[in-house]
N, C-alpha and C. Protein backbone atom coordinates (compact mmCIF):
# COMPACT_ATOMS: atom_id res chain seq x y z
N MET A 1 -35.84 27.98 36.75
CA MET A 1 -36.17 26.74 36.10
C MET A 1 -35.80 26.76 34.62
N LYS A 2 -36.14 27.90 33.95
CA LYS A 2 -35.80 28.02 32.54
C LYS A 2 -34.29 27.97 32.34
N THR A 3 -33.53 28.57 33.27
CA THR A 3 -32.08 28.58 33.18
C THR A 3 -31.54 27.16 33.29
N LYS A 4 -32.08 26.35 34.21
CA LYS A 4 -31.63 24.97 34.37
C LYS A 4 -31.94 24.15 33.12
N LEU A 5 -33.15 24.30 32.55
CA LEU A 5 -33.51 23.58 31.34
C LEU A 5 -32.61 23.99 30.17
N PHE A 6 -32.33 25.29 30.07
CA PHE A 6 -31.46 25.77 29.01
C PHE A 6 -30.04 25.20 29.18
N THR A 7 -29.55 25.17 30.42
CA THR A 7 -28.22 24.64 30.71
C THR A 7 -28.15 23.15 30.38
N VAL A 8 -29.17 22.40 30.79
CA VAL A 8 -29.21 20.97 30.49
C VAL A 8 -29.26 20.75 28.98
N ALA A 9 -30.07 21.51 28.27
CA ALA A 9 -30.17 21.38 26.82
C ALA A 9 -28.84 21.72 26.15
N LEU A 10 -28.18 22.77 26.62
CA LEU A 10 -26.90 23.18 26.06
C LEU A 10 -25.84 22.12 26.30
N ILE A 11 -25.79 21.57 27.50
CA ILE A 11 -24.82 20.51 27.82
C ILE A 11 -25.11 19.27 26.98
N SER A 12 -26.37 18.91 26.82
CA SER A 12 -26.74 17.75 26.01
C SER A 12 -26.32 17.93 24.56
N MET A 13 -26.59 19.11 24.02
CA MET A 13 -26.22 19.39 22.64
C MET A 13 -24.69 19.35 22.48
N PHE A 14 -23.96 19.92 23.41
CA PHE A 14 -22.50 19.92 23.37
C PHE A 14 -21.98 18.47 23.43
N THR A 15 -22.56 17.64 24.28
CA THR A 15 -22.15 16.24 24.42
C THR A 15 -22.39 15.48 23.12
N ILE A 16 -23.55 15.69 22.50
CA ILE A 16 -23.87 15.01 21.24
C ILE A 16 -22.86 15.42 20.16
N ILE A 17 -22.54 16.70 20.09
CA ILE A 17 -21.57 17.18 19.10
C ILE A 17 -20.20 16.55 19.34
N MET A 18 -19.76 16.52 20.59
CA MET A 18 -18.44 15.97 20.92
C MET A 18 -18.37 14.47 20.61
N VAL A 19 -19.41 13.73 20.93
CA VAL A 19 -19.42 12.29 20.68
C VAL A 19 -19.39 12.02 19.18
N ASN A 20 -20.22 12.74 18.42
CA ASN A 20 -20.26 12.52 16.97
C ASN A 20 -18.97 12.96 16.28
N CYS A 21 -18.33 14.00 16.78
CA CYS A 21 -17.10 14.47 16.16
C CYS A 21 -15.90 13.61 16.52
N SER A 22 -15.99 12.85 17.59
CA SER A 22 -14.83 12.06 18.02
C SER A 22 -14.82 10.65 17.45
N LYS A 23 -15.86 10.26 16.71
CA LYS A 23 -15.89 8.94 16.11
C LYS A 23 -14.83 8.84 15.03
N GLU A 24 -14.05 7.77 15.07
CA GLU A 24 -13.01 7.57 14.07
C GLU A 24 -13.53 6.63 12.99
N GLU A 25 -14.14 7.21 11.99
CA GLU A 25 -14.64 6.42 10.86
C GLU A 25 -13.80 6.75 9.65
N PRO A 26 -13.53 5.75 8.82
CA PRO A 26 -12.75 6.05 7.61
C PRO A 26 -13.50 7.03 6.72
N ILE A 27 -12.76 7.97 6.17
CA ILE A 27 -13.35 8.95 5.28
C ILE A 27 -13.26 8.42 3.87
N LYS A 28 -14.39 8.35 3.20
CA LYS A 28 -14.43 7.87 1.82
C LYS A 28 -14.76 9.05 0.93
N ASN A 29 -13.97 9.24 -0.10
CA ASN A 29 -14.34 10.28 -1.04
C ASN A 29 -15.31 9.69 -2.06
N GLU A 30 -15.87 10.55 -2.89
CA GLU A 30 -16.87 10.09 -3.86
C GLU A 30 -16.28 9.07 -4.83
N VAL A 31 -15.02 9.24 -5.16
CA VAL A 31 -14.37 8.33 -6.10
C VAL A 31 -14.32 6.92 -5.51
N GLN A 32 -13.91 6.83 -4.24
CA GLN A 32 -13.84 5.52 -3.60
C GLN A 32 -15.22 4.93 -3.42
N GLU A 33 -16.19 5.75 -3.10
CA GLU A 33 -17.56 5.26 -2.92
C GLU A 33 -18.07 4.59 -4.19
N GLU A 34 -17.70 5.13 -5.35
CA GLU A 34 -18.18 4.61 -6.62
C GLU A 34 -17.23 3.58 -7.22
N MET A 35 -16.17 3.22 -6.49
CA MET A 35 -15.15 2.27 -6.98
C MET A 35 -14.57 2.72 -8.30
N ASP A 36 -14.45 4.00 -8.49
CA ASP A 36 -13.88 4.55 -9.71
C ASP A 36 -12.37 4.29 -9.70
N VAL A 37 -11.80 4.02 -10.83
CA VAL A 37 -10.37 3.73 -10.92
C VAL A 37 -9.51 4.91 -10.50
N LYS A 38 -10.05 6.11 -10.47
CA LYS A 38 -9.25 7.26 -10.07
C LYS A 38 -8.93 7.24 -8.58
N SER A 39 -9.44 6.25 -7.84
CA SER A 39 -9.10 6.16 -6.41
C SER A 39 -7.61 5.97 -6.22
N ILE A 40 -6.89 5.54 -7.25
CA ILE A 40 -5.44 5.40 -7.11
C ILE A 40 -4.77 6.76 -6.96
N LEU A 41 -5.47 7.84 -7.25
CA LEU A 41 -4.89 9.16 -7.07
C LEU A 41 -4.94 9.64 -5.63
N ASP A 42 -5.65 8.95 -4.78
CA ASP A 42 -5.67 9.31 -3.36
C ASP A 42 -4.41 8.74 -2.72
N ASN A 43 -3.67 9.57 -2.01
CA ASN A 43 -2.46 9.08 -1.37
C ASN A 43 -2.81 7.96 -0.40
N TYR A 44 -2.03 6.91 -0.45
CA TYR A 44 -2.30 5.72 0.35
C TYR A 44 -1.31 5.64 1.50
N HIS A 45 -1.81 5.57 2.69
CA HIS A 45 -0.99 5.37 3.88
C HIS A 45 -1.52 4.15 4.60
N PHE A 46 -0.66 3.22 4.88
CA PHE A 46 -1.05 1.97 5.50
C PHE A 46 -1.31 2.19 6.99
N PHE A 47 -2.54 1.92 7.45
CA PHE A 47 -2.90 2.11 8.84
C PHE A 47 -3.20 0.80 9.56
N GLY A 48 -3.34 -0.29 8.85
CA GLY A 48 -3.70 -1.56 9.47
C GLY A 48 -2.50 -2.27 10.05
N GLU A 49 -2.71 -3.49 10.47
CA GLU A 49 -1.63 -4.30 11.00
C GLU A 49 -0.85 -4.91 9.84
N PRO A 50 0.45 -4.61 9.76
CA PRO A 50 1.22 -5.20 8.65
C PRO A 50 1.42 -6.68 8.88
N PRO A 51 1.80 -7.39 7.82
CA PRO A 51 2.13 -8.81 8.01
C PRO A 51 3.26 -8.94 9.02
N THR A 52 3.31 -10.06 9.69
CA THR A 52 4.36 -10.27 10.68
C THR A 52 5.72 -10.19 10.01
N VAL A 53 6.59 -9.36 10.55
CA VAL A 53 7.93 -9.21 10.01
C VAL A 53 8.81 -10.29 10.64
N ILE A 54 9.41 -11.08 9.80
CA ILE A 54 10.29 -12.15 10.27
C ILE A 54 11.63 -11.55 10.66
N GLN A 55 12.16 -11.99 11.77
CA GLN A 55 13.47 -11.53 12.20
C GLN A 55 14.54 -12.12 11.30
N GLU A 56 15.66 -11.41 11.21
CA GLU A 56 16.75 -11.90 10.37
C GLU A 56 17.21 -13.28 10.85
N LYS A 57 17.72 -14.07 9.90
CA LYS A 57 18.25 -15.38 10.24
C LYS A 57 19.42 -15.24 11.19
N SER A 58 19.54 -16.19 12.08
CA SER A 58 20.72 -16.18 12.94
C SER A 58 21.89 -16.69 12.11
N GLY A 59 23.08 -16.29 12.48
CA GLY A 59 24.25 -16.72 11.72
C GLY A 59 24.57 -15.74 10.62
N LYS A 60 25.08 -16.25 9.51
CA LYS A 60 25.53 -15.41 8.40
C LYS A 60 24.33 -14.72 7.75
N SER A 61 24.45 -13.40 7.59
CA SER A 61 23.38 -12.63 6.96
C SER A 61 23.97 -11.88 5.77
N ILE A 62 23.19 -11.79 4.70
CA ILE A 62 23.61 -11.10 3.49
C ILE A 62 22.83 -9.80 3.40
N THR A 63 23.52 -8.71 3.08
CA THR A 63 22.89 -7.42 2.85
C THR A 63 23.19 -7.03 1.41
N LYS A 64 22.15 -6.73 0.66
CA LYS A 64 22.31 -6.37 -0.75
C LYS A 64 21.47 -5.14 -1.07
N THR A 65 22.02 -4.30 -1.95
CA THR A 65 21.25 -3.21 -2.53
C THR A 65 20.65 -3.74 -3.83
N ILE A 66 19.36 -3.52 -3.98
CA ILE A 66 18.67 -3.96 -5.20
C ILE A 66 18.26 -2.72 -5.97
N LYS A 67 18.67 -2.64 -7.22
CA LYS A 67 18.25 -1.55 -8.09
C LYS A 67 17.23 -2.12 -9.08
N PHE A 68 16.03 -1.56 -9.05
CA PHE A 68 14.96 -1.96 -9.96
C PHE A 68 14.99 -1.01 -11.16
N PHE A 69 15.32 -1.56 -12.34
CA PHE A 69 15.28 -0.76 -13.55
C PHE A 69 13.82 -0.56 -13.92
N GLU A 70 13.55 0.33 -14.88
CA GLU A 70 12.15 0.65 -15.17
C GLU A 70 11.32 -0.61 -15.37
N THR A 71 10.31 -0.69 -14.55
CA THR A 71 9.37 -1.80 -14.54
C THR A 71 8.02 -1.26 -14.97
N GLU A 72 7.27 -2.03 -15.69
CA GLU A 72 5.95 -1.55 -16.08
C GLU A 72 4.93 -2.67 -15.99
N GLY A 73 3.68 -2.25 -15.90
CA GLY A 73 2.62 -3.23 -15.79
C GLY A 73 1.24 -2.61 -15.83
N LEU A 74 0.27 -3.41 -15.41
CA LEU A 74 -1.15 -3.04 -15.47
C LEU A 74 -1.78 -3.00 -14.08
N ILE A 75 -2.82 -2.22 -13.96
CA ILE A 75 -3.62 -2.14 -12.74
C ILE A 75 -5.03 -2.55 -13.10
N GLU A 76 -5.62 -3.41 -12.30
CA GLU A 76 -7.02 -3.79 -12.49
C GLU A 76 -7.75 -3.61 -11.17
N PHE A 77 -8.99 -3.18 -11.24
CA PHE A 77 -9.84 -3.07 -10.07
C PHE A 77 -11.04 -3.97 -10.25
N SER A 78 -11.42 -4.62 -9.18
CA SER A 78 -12.60 -5.48 -9.20
C SER A 78 -13.30 -5.39 -7.86
N ALA A 79 -14.46 -5.98 -7.79
CA ALA A 79 -15.22 -6.01 -6.54
C ALA A 79 -14.98 -7.35 -5.86
N LYS A 80 -14.70 -7.30 -4.56
CA LYS A 80 -14.57 -8.51 -3.75
C LYS A 80 -15.36 -8.27 -2.47
N GLU A 81 -16.05 -9.28 -2.03
CA GLU A 81 -16.89 -9.16 -0.85
C GLU A 81 -16.12 -8.67 0.36
N GLU A 82 -14.88 -9.17 0.55
CA GLU A 82 -14.10 -8.80 1.74
C GLU A 82 -13.66 -7.33 1.73
N CYS A 83 -13.81 -6.65 0.59
CA CYS A 83 -13.42 -5.23 0.50
C CYS A 83 -14.59 -4.28 0.72
N GLY A 84 -15.77 -4.81 0.88
CA GLY A 84 -16.94 -3.95 1.07
C GLY A 84 -17.15 -3.06 -0.15
N SER A 85 -17.27 -1.75 0.09
CA SER A 85 -17.51 -0.81 -1.01
C SER A 85 -16.22 -0.34 -1.68
N TYR A 86 -15.08 -0.79 -1.19
CA TYR A 86 -13.81 -0.38 -1.77
C TYR A 86 -13.38 -1.34 -2.89
N PRO A 87 -12.57 -0.85 -3.82
CA PRO A 87 -12.11 -1.73 -4.91
C PRO A 87 -11.00 -2.67 -4.45
N TYR A 88 -10.92 -3.82 -5.08
CA TYR A 88 -9.83 -4.77 -4.89
C TYR A 88 -8.83 -4.50 -6.00
N ALA A 89 -7.59 -4.19 -5.64
CA ALA A 89 -6.57 -3.85 -6.62
C ALA A 89 -5.71 -5.06 -6.95
N THR A 90 -5.45 -5.25 -8.23
CA THR A 90 -4.50 -6.26 -8.71
C THR A 90 -3.52 -5.53 -9.62
N VAL A 91 -2.26 -5.50 -9.20
CA VAL A 91 -1.22 -4.81 -9.95
C VAL A 91 -0.22 -5.86 -10.43
N THR A 92 0.00 -5.95 -11.74
CA THR A 92 0.92 -6.93 -12.28
C THR A 92 1.95 -6.22 -13.15
N GLY A 93 3.09 -6.86 -13.32
CA GLY A 93 4.11 -6.29 -14.17
C GLY A 93 5.36 -7.15 -14.18
N SER A 94 6.35 -6.70 -14.92
CA SER A 94 7.62 -7.42 -14.98
C SER A 94 8.73 -6.43 -15.26
N GLY A 95 9.93 -6.85 -14.90
CA GLY A 95 11.07 -5.98 -15.10
C GLY A 95 12.37 -6.72 -14.84
N ASN A 96 13.41 -5.95 -14.59
CA ASN A 96 14.73 -6.48 -14.34
C ASN A 96 15.34 -5.72 -13.18
N ALA A 97 16.06 -6.42 -12.32
CA ALA A 97 16.68 -5.79 -11.16
C ALA A 97 18.02 -6.45 -10.86
N THR A 98 18.92 -5.66 -10.29
CA THR A 98 20.19 -6.25 -9.87
C THR A 98 19.91 -7.25 -8.76
N HIS A 99 20.71 -8.27 -8.67
CA HIS A 99 20.64 -9.31 -7.66
C HIS A 99 19.44 -10.24 -7.81
N ILE A 100 18.43 -9.84 -8.59
CA ILE A 100 17.26 -10.68 -8.81
C ILE A 100 17.21 -11.15 -10.26
N GLY A 101 17.59 -10.29 -11.18
CA GLY A 101 17.46 -10.58 -12.60
C GLY A 101 16.05 -10.27 -13.06
N LYS A 102 15.59 -11.00 -14.06
CA LYS A 102 14.22 -10.79 -14.55
C LYS A 102 13.24 -11.27 -13.48
N TYR A 103 12.16 -10.52 -13.33
CA TYR A 103 11.18 -10.87 -12.31
C TYR A 103 9.79 -10.45 -12.75
N HIS A 104 8.82 -11.01 -12.06
CA HIS A 104 7.41 -10.62 -12.21
C HIS A 104 6.95 -10.11 -10.86
N VAL A 105 6.05 -9.13 -10.87
CA VAL A 105 5.52 -8.58 -9.64
C VAL A 105 4.00 -8.69 -9.64
N LEU A 106 3.46 -8.98 -8.47
CA LEU A 106 2.02 -9.03 -8.25
C LEU A 106 1.75 -8.34 -6.92
N ASN A 107 0.94 -7.29 -6.95
CA ASN A 107 0.48 -6.62 -5.73
C ASN A 107 -1.03 -6.78 -5.69
N ILE A 108 -1.57 -7.15 -4.52
CA ILE A 108 -3.01 -7.37 -4.39
C ILE A 108 -3.50 -6.88 -3.04
N GLY A 109 -4.77 -6.47 -3.00
CA GLY A 109 -5.39 -6.12 -1.73
C GLY A 109 -6.54 -5.16 -1.90
N CYS A 110 -7.31 -5.01 -0.82
CA CYS A 110 -8.40 -4.05 -0.79
C CYS A 110 -7.80 -2.65 -0.74
N TYR A 111 -8.24 -1.79 -1.62
CA TYR A 111 -7.72 -0.43 -1.68
C TYR A 111 -8.59 0.47 -0.80
N ASP A 112 -8.42 0.30 0.54
CA ASP A 112 -9.27 1.02 1.48
C ASP A 112 -8.48 1.88 2.46
N GLY A 113 -7.15 1.92 2.34
CA GLY A 113 -6.35 2.72 3.26
C GLY A 113 -6.11 2.04 4.59
N VAL A 114 -6.63 0.85 4.78
CA VAL A 114 -6.46 0.12 6.03
C VAL A 114 -5.83 -1.25 5.78
N SER A 115 -6.36 -1.96 4.82
CA SER A 115 -5.86 -3.31 4.52
C SER A 115 -4.52 -3.22 3.82
N PRO A 116 -3.65 -4.19 4.06
CA PRO A 116 -2.35 -4.14 3.39
C PRO A 116 -2.47 -4.47 1.91
N ILE A 117 -1.67 -3.78 1.11
CA ILE A 117 -1.49 -4.14 -0.29
C ILE A 117 -0.24 -5.01 -0.30
N LEU A 118 -0.43 -6.30 -0.47
CA LEU A 118 0.67 -7.26 -0.40
C LEU A 118 1.32 -7.41 -1.77
N GLY A 119 2.64 -7.59 -1.76
CA GLY A 119 3.38 -7.73 -3.01
C GLY A 119 4.20 -9.00 -3.04
N PHE A 120 4.33 -9.55 -4.24
CA PHE A 120 5.13 -10.76 -4.46
C PHE A 120 6.01 -10.52 -5.67
N ILE A 121 7.31 -10.43 -5.43
CA ILE A 121 8.28 -10.27 -6.51
C ILE A 121 8.87 -11.66 -6.74
N THR A 122 8.66 -12.21 -7.93
CA THR A 122 9.10 -13.57 -8.22
C THR A 122 10.24 -13.52 -9.22
N ALA A 123 11.41 -14.00 -8.79
CA ALA A 123 12.59 -14.06 -9.65
C ALA A 123 12.41 -15.17 -10.67
N ALA A 124 13.25 -15.18 -11.70
CA ALA A 124 13.16 -16.18 -12.77
C ALA A 124 13.28 -17.61 -12.24
N ASN A 125 14.04 -17.80 -11.15
CA ASN A 125 14.21 -19.15 -10.60
C ASN A 125 13.07 -19.55 -9.65
N GLY A 126 12.07 -18.67 -9.45
CA GLY A 126 10.93 -18.99 -8.60
C GLY A 126 11.03 -18.46 -7.17
N ASP A 127 12.21 -18.00 -6.74
CA ASP A 127 12.33 -17.42 -5.40
C ASP A 127 11.50 -16.14 -5.33
N GLU A 128 10.86 -15.91 -4.18
CA GLU A 128 9.99 -14.75 -4.02
C GLU A 128 10.49 -13.82 -2.92
N ILE A 129 10.22 -12.54 -3.10
CA ILE A 129 10.38 -11.53 -2.06
C ILE A 129 8.97 -11.04 -1.74
N HIS A 130 8.58 -11.06 -0.46
CA HIS A 130 7.24 -10.64 -0.05
C HIS A 130 7.32 -9.22 0.52
N THR A 131 6.41 -8.36 0.06
CA THR A 131 6.40 -6.96 0.48
C THR A 131 4.98 -6.53 0.84
N TYR A 132 4.87 -5.36 1.44
CA TYR A 132 3.60 -4.67 1.54
C TYR A 132 3.86 -3.18 1.36
N VAL A 133 2.85 -2.46 0.88
CA VAL A 133 2.97 -1.02 0.65
C VAL A 133 2.81 -0.30 1.98
N ALA A 134 3.87 0.41 2.39
CA ALA A 134 3.80 1.20 3.62
C ALA A 134 3.19 2.57 3.33
N SER A 135 3.50 3.13 2.17
CA SER A 135 2.89 4.41 1.77
C SER A 135 3.06 4.62 0.28
N ALA A 136 2.21 5.46 -0.27
CA ALA A 136 2.28 5.85 -1.67
C ALA A 136 1.80 7.29 -1.76
N GLU A 137 2.63 8.16 -2.31
CA GLU A 137 2.26 9.56 -2.40
C GLU A 137 2.60 10.11 -3.78
N GLN A 138 1.74 11.00 -4.26
CA GLN A 138 1.97 11.63 -5.55
C GLN A 138 2.33 13.09 -5.34
N ASP A 139 3.41 13.53 -5.99
CA ASP A 139 3.79 14.94 -5.98
C ASP A 139 2.79 15.68 -6.87
N PRO A 140 2.04 16.65 -6.32
CA PRO A 140 1.00 17.31 -7.12
C PRO A 140 1.55 18.12 -8.29
N GLU A 141 2.79 18.58 -8.21
CA GLU A 141 3.36 19.38 -9.30
C GLU A 141 3.89 18.50 -10.43
N THR A 142 4.65 17.47 -10.09
CA THR A 142 5.27 16.63 -11.12
C THR A 142 4.42 15.42 -11.49
N GLU A 143 3.44 15.10 -10.64
CA GLU A 143 2.58 13.91 -10.78
C GLU A 143 3.37 12.60 -10.68
N ILE A 144 4.58 12.68 -10.13
CA ILE A 144 5.41 11.50 -9.90
C ILE A 144 4.99 10.86 -8.59
N TRP A 145 4.84 9.53 -8.63
CA TRP A 145 4.48 8.76 -7.45
C TRP A 145 5.73 8.25 -6.76
N THR A 146 5.69 8.16 -5.44
CA THR A 146 6.74 7.52 -4.64
C THR A 146 6.08 6.46 -3.78
N TYR A 147 6.55 5.24 -3.92
CA TYR A 147 6.04 4.11 -3.14
C TYR A 147 7.12 3.63 -2.19
N HIS A 148 6.72 3.36 -0.96
CA HIS A 148 7.62 2.79 0.04
C HIS A 148 7.11 1.39 0.35
N TYR A 149 7.92 0.40 0.01
CA TYR A 149 7.58 -1.00 0.27
C TYR A 149 8.43 -1.53 1.41
N ILE A 150 7.84 -2.34 2.25
CA ILE A 150 8.56 -3.04 3.31
C ILE A 150 8.69 -4.50 2.90
N ILE A 151 9.91 -5.03 2.96
CA ILE A 151 10.14 -6.45 2.71
C ILE A 151 9.97 -7.17 4.04
N TYR A 152 9.09 -8.17 4.09
CA TYR A 152 8.83 -8.84 5.36
C TYR A 152 9.07 -10.34 5.32
N ASN A 153 9.36 -10.93 4.16
CA ASN A 153 9.62 -12.36 4.11
C ASN A 153 9.93 -12.73 2.66
N GLY A 154 9.97 -14.01 2.38
CA GLY A 154 10.20 -14.49 1.04
C GLY A 154 10.28 -16.00 1.02
N THR A 155 10.69 -16.53 -0.12
CA THR A 155 10.87 -17.98 -0.26
C THR A 155 12.25 -18.23 -0.86
N GLY A 156 12.69 -19.49 -0.83
CA GLY A 156 13.99 -19.85 -1.39
C GLY A 156 15.09 -19.09 -0.68
N ARG A 157 15.99 -18.49 -1.43
CA ARG A 157 17.11 -17.77 -0.81
C ARG A 157 16.65 -16.53 -0.06
N PHE A 158 15.40 -16.07 -0.30
CA PHE A 158 14.88 -14.90 0.38
C PHE A 158 14.02 -15.24 1.60
N LEU A 159 14.04 -16.48 2.04
CA LEU A 159 13.29 -16.88 3.22
C LEU A 159 13.74 -16.04 4.42
N ASN A 160 12.80 -15.48 5.15
CA ASN A 160 13.04 -14.62 6.31
C ASN A 160 13.68 -13.29 5.94
N ALA A 161 13.57 -12.85 4.70
CA ALA A 161 14.16 -11.58 4.27
C ALA A 161 13.44 -10.40 4.92
N THR A 162 14.18 -9.32 5.13
CA THR A 162 13.64 -8.05 5.60
C THR A 162 14.27 -6.95 4.77
N GLY A 163 13.72 -5.75 4.85
CA GLY A 163 14.30 -4.61 4.14
C GLY A 163 13.23 -3.64 3.69
N GLU A 164 13.62 -2.76 2.77
CA GLU A 164 12.68 -1.79 2.23
C GLU A 164 13.10 -1.38 0.84
N VAL A 165 12.12 -0.92 0.06
CA VAL A 165 12.34 -0.50 -1.32
C VAL A 165 11.56 0.79 -1.55
N PHE A 166 12.18 1.74 -2.26
CA PHE A 166 11.51 2.97 -2.66
C PHE A 166 11.45 2.99 -4.18
N MET A 167 10.23 3.12 -4.72
CA MET A 167 10.02 3.14 -6.16
C MET A 167 9.38 4.48 -6.53
N THR A 168 9.76 5.02 -7.69
CA THR A 168 9.15 6.26 -8.19
C THR A 168 8.75 6.06 -9.64
N GLY A 169 7.73 6.80 -10.06
CA GLY A 169 7.30 6.70 -11.45
C GLY A 169 5.94 7.31 -11.69
N VAL A 170 5.33 6.90 -12.79
CA VAL A 170 4.07 7.48 -13.22
C VAL A 170 2.99 6.42 -13.35
N ILE A 171 1.74 6.88 -13.23
CA ILE A 171 0.58 6.01 -13.43
C ILE A 171 -0.32 6.69 -14.44
N ASP A 172 -0.62 5.99 -15.52
CA ASP A 172 -1.55 6.46 -16.53
C ASP A 172 -2.93 5.96 -16.09
N THR A 173 -3.73 6.87 -15.50
CA THR A 173 -5.02 6.47 -14.94
C THR A 173 -6.06 6.16 -16.01
N GLU A 174 -5.89 6.68 -17.22
CA GLU A 174 -6.85 6.37 -18.28
C GLU A 174 -6.70 4.94 -18.76
N ASN A 175 -5.45 4.51 -18.93
CA ASN A 175 -5.18 3.18 -19.45
C ASN A 175 -4.81 2.17 -18.37
N LEU A 176 -4.72 2.63 -17.12
CA LEU A 176 -4.34 1.81 -15.97
C LEU A 176 -3.01 1.08 -16.22
N VAL A 177 -2.03 1.86 -16.64
CA VAL A 177 -0.68 1.37 -16.88
C VAL A 177 0.26 2.15 -15.96
N TRP A 178 1.27 1.47 -15.43
CA TRP A 178 2.23 2.13 -14.55
C TRP A 178 3.65 1.83 -15.00
N LYS A 179 4.57 2.75 -14.67
CA LYS A 179 6.00 2.58 -14.92
C LYS A 179 6.73 3.11 -13.69
N LEU A 180 7.51 2.24 -13.05
CA LEU A 180 8.24 2.60 -11.85
C LEU A 180 9.68 2.13 -11.93
N LYS A 181 10.55 2.77 -11.19
CA LYS A 181 11.92 2.31 -11.00
C LYS A 181 12.33 2.70 -9.60
N GLY A 182 13.36 2.06 -9.06
CA GLY A 182 13.75 2.40 -7.72
C GLY A 182 14.90 1.58 -7.19
N GLU A 183 15.04 1.66 -5.88
CA GLU A 183 16.16 1.00 -5.21
C GLU A 183 15.76 0.64 -3.79
N GLY A 184 16.39 -0.39 -3.29
CA GLY A 184 16.13 -0.81 -1.93
C GLY A 184 17.27 -1.61 -1.35
N THR A 185 17.08 -2.01 -0.10
CA THR A 185 18.05 -2.84 0.60
C THR A 185 17.33 -4.06 1.14
N ILE A 186 17.96 -5.22 0.96
CA ILE A 186 17.37 -6.46 1.44
C ILE A 186 18.39 -7.17 2.34
N PHE A 187 17.90 -7.72 3.43
CA PHE A 187 18.71 -8.52 4.37
C PHE A 187 18.14 -9.92 4.39
N TYR A 188 18.99 -10.92 4.18
CA TYR A 188 18.51 -12.29 4.24
C TYR A 188 19.63 -13.23 4.64
């Protein structure tokens, strides 16, 4: 009888451990829990559903390489109800790029590792390229960041655009200032 009770207790304990260990809950570090601005130092990998990617236009399609010269801007964090305990990121800046000319950039979203960080690159004439951050990683030795953006749509001449952009640069976490440059390919 004691052996059966011990076996049942052991199986129950093993089951409880397995169930609790198999739960897929997002892991929050202390920085994210406190909405500290240093959460930008956590590598970001997009796990949620990306915005719907528009298929290329039928007929004539244009393929262009876009080179983004050094772009700089500011990062702000705020609280938004839809983000829960995570910060809401607003990244703004301006720069110059081939094929686009002078532009302004706005990236927004809940910084939770699940929600998309959406981007809007607005050319001087008002045409927009719509992006989302697919990943962002920092090299621990050089402290250089690499961002991978997916182009999923746009407005004006960039309507139904697709493509990708890779940006590299630095983030000053004390002053919440960033400087990036990079290159990508756009199809529209």
